[in-house]
């Protein structure tokens, strides 16, 4: 399990955070969050900007320490 904050992945000072087992699970949770909390930003997203976000997210996910059990 890893925890990532929205602010780490482009969400400004948003305090929302996700704890997930996999990057895919975390991306899905952030996607739902973004639709509501960051609707204006999502409306401006392009396929290219989403690809850039995915690359950046994957780097953050890989560099984040797993939570101790």
C-alpha atoms as a PDB file:
ATOM      1  CA  UNK A   1       0.000   0.000   0.000  1.00  0.00           C
ATOM      2  CA  UNK A   2       1.113   3.500  -0.824  1.00  0.00           C
ATOM      3  CA  UNK A   3      -0.385   6.908  -0.073  1.00  0.00           C
ATOM      4  CA  UNK A   4      -0.140   9.822  -2.487  1.00  0.00           C
ATOM      5  CA  UNK A   5      -1.544  13.315  -2.014  1.00  0.00           C
ATOM      6  CA  UNK A   6      -3.294  15.205  -4.770  1.00  0.00           C
ATOM      7  CA  UNK A   7      -0.860  18.065  -4.212  1.00  0.00           C
ATOM      8  CA  UNK A   8       2.011  15.737  -5.218  1.00  0.00           C
ATOM      9  CA  UNK A   9       0.514  15.103  -8.641  1.00  0.00           C
ATOM     10  CA  UNK A  10      -0.572  18.490  -9.852  1.00  0.00           C
ATOM     11  CA  UNK A  11      -3.531  19.226  -7.586  1.00  0.00           C
ATOM     12  CA  UNK A  12      -2.177  22.489  -6.224  1.00  0.00           C
ATOM     13  CA  UNK A  13      -2.676  22.669  -2.466  1.00  0.00           C
ATOM     14  CA  UNK A  14      -5.479  20.073  -2.477  1.00  0.00           C
ATOM     15  CA  UNK A  15      -5.241  17.936   0.696  1.00  0.00           C
ATOM     16  CA  UNK A  16      -7.049  14.893  -0.785  1.00  0.00           C
ATOM     17  CA  UNK A  17      -5.029  11.692  -0.623  1.00  0.00           C
ATOM     18  CA  UNK A  18      -5.339   8.149  -1.895  1.00  0.00           C
ATOM     19  CA  UNK A  19      -4.063   4.941  -0.359  1.00  0.00           C
ATOM     20  CA  UNK A  20      -3.947   2.055  -2.797  1.00  0.00           C
ATOM     21  CA  UNK A  21      -2.260  -1.261  -3.540  1.00  0.00           C
ATOM     22  CA  UNK A  22      -1.543  -0.510  -7.201  1.00  0.00           C
ATOM     23  CA  UNK A  23      -0.906   2.514  -9.386  1.00  0.00           C
ATOM     24  CA  UNK A  24      -3.976   1.632 -11.442  1.00  0.00           C
ATOM     25  CA  UNK A  25      -6.191   1.596  -8.346  1.00  0.00           C
ATOM     26  CA  UNK A  26      -4.779   4.955  -7.237  1.00  0.00           C
ATOM     27  CA  UNK A  27      -5.275   6.488 -10.701  1.00  0.00           C
ATOM     28  CA  UNK A  28      -8.914   5.380 -10.697  1.00  0.00           C
ATOM     29  CA  UNK A  29      -9.512   6.968  -7.286  1.00  0.00           C
ATOM     30  CA  UNK A  30      -7.776  10.178  -8.331  1.00  0.00           C
ATOM     31  CA  UNK A  31      -9.817  10.209 -11.534  1.00  0.00           C
ATOM     32  CA  UNK A  32     -13.066  10.164  -9.573  1.00  0.00           C
ATOM     33  CA  UNK A  33     -11.758  12.853  -7.226  1.00  0.00           C
ATOM     34  CA  UNK A  34     -10.613  15.059 -10.107  1.00  0.00           C
ATOM     35  CA  UNK A  35     -14.014  14.915 -11.818  1.00  0.00           C
ATOM     36  CA  UNK A  36     -15.586  16.549  -8.769  1.00  0.00           C
ATOM     37  CA  UNK A  37     -12.871  18.613  -7.097  1.00  0.00           C
ATOM     38  CA  UNK A  38     -10.941  19.688 -10.188  1.00  0.00           C
ATOM     39  CA  UNK A  39     -13.627  19.751 -12.882  1.00  0.00           C
ATOM     40  CA  UNK A  40     -12.304  22.965 -14.444  1.00  0.00           C
ATOM     41  CA  UNK A  41      -8.799  21.515 -14.762  1.00  0.00           C
ATOM     42  CA  UNK A  42     -10.179  18.271 -16.199  1.00  0.00           C
ATOM     43  CA  UNK A  43     -12.235  20.199 -18.773  1.00  0.00           C
ATOM     44  CA  UNK A  44      -9.001  21.714 -20.106  1.00  0.00           C
ATOM     45  CA  UNK A  45      -7.139  18.389 -20.244  1.00  0.00           C
ATOM     46  CA  UNK A  46      -5.928  17.146 -23.612  1.00  0.00           C
ATOM     47  CA  UNK A  47      -4.777  13.646 -24.562  1.00  0.00           C
ATOM     48  CA  UNK A  48      -1.219  14.986 -24.483  1.00  0.00           C
ATOM     49  CA  UNK A  49      -1.577  16.568 -21.051  1.00  0.00           C
ATOM     50  CA  UNK A  50      -3.160  13.382 -19.708  1.00  0.00           C
ATOM     51  CA  UNK A  51      -0.250  11.343 -21.074  1.00  0.00           C
ATOM     52  CA  UNK A  52       2.203  13.736 -19.376  1.00  0.00           C
ATOM     53  CA  UNK A  53       0.215  13.406 -16.132  1.00  0.00           C
ATOM     54  CA  UNK A  54       0.337   9.602 -16.352  1.00  0.00           C
ATOM     55  CA  UNK A  55       4.115   9.637 -16.823  1.00  0.00           C
ATOM     56  CA  UNK A  56       4.533  12.009 -13.877  1.00  0.00           C
ATOM     57  CA  UNK A  57       2.136   9.968 -11.718  1.00  0.00           C
ATOM     58  CA  UNK A  58       4.054   6.765 -12.460  1.00  0.00           C
ATOM     59  CA  UNK A  59       7.315   8.440 -11.348  1.00  0.00           C
ATOM     60  CA  UNK A  60       5.701   9.650  -8.117  1.00  0.00           C
ATOM     61  CA  UNK A  61       4.187   6.207  -7.503  1.00  0.00           C
ATOM     62  CA  UNK A  62       7.540   4.481  -8.035  1.00  0.00           C
ATOM     63  CA  UNK A  63       9.380   6.893  -5.721  1.00  0.00           C
ATOM     64  CA  UNK A  64       6.787   6.658  -2.924  1.00  0.00           C
ATOM     65  CA  UNK A  65       7.645   4.312  -0.086  1.00  0.00           C
ATOM     66  CA  UNK A  66       5.213   1.505   0.642  1.00  0.00           C
ATOM     67  CA  UNK A  67       3.400   1.782   3.960  1.00  0.00           C
ATOM     68  CA  UNK A  68       4.582  -0.499   6.731  1.00  0.00           C
ATOM     69  CA  UNK A  69       2.112  -3.177   7.748  1.00  0.00           C
END
